[in-house]
């Protein structure tokens, strides 16, 4: 899941080298922390959070195959 978030994030931002993805795996759920450069934060969140919501939707759809719950957190 973390690789998927990283690929999407790197495609959206101006500084793909500064994209960091940290995956914290539990028994039933996975927390994916996404960190980008400050100037790219708006590109990841989007207007009214639409891009962030779309990223979460795609990752949740991929997680259904593994019967896991995924939470994507965008960290400043």
Foldseek 3Di string as FASTA:
>chain_A
DQVLLLVVLLVQFPCSVQWDWDWDDDDAAIEIEIEGDPVCPCSCQDVVRPNVVVSLVVVQVVCVVVNHHYHYHYDD
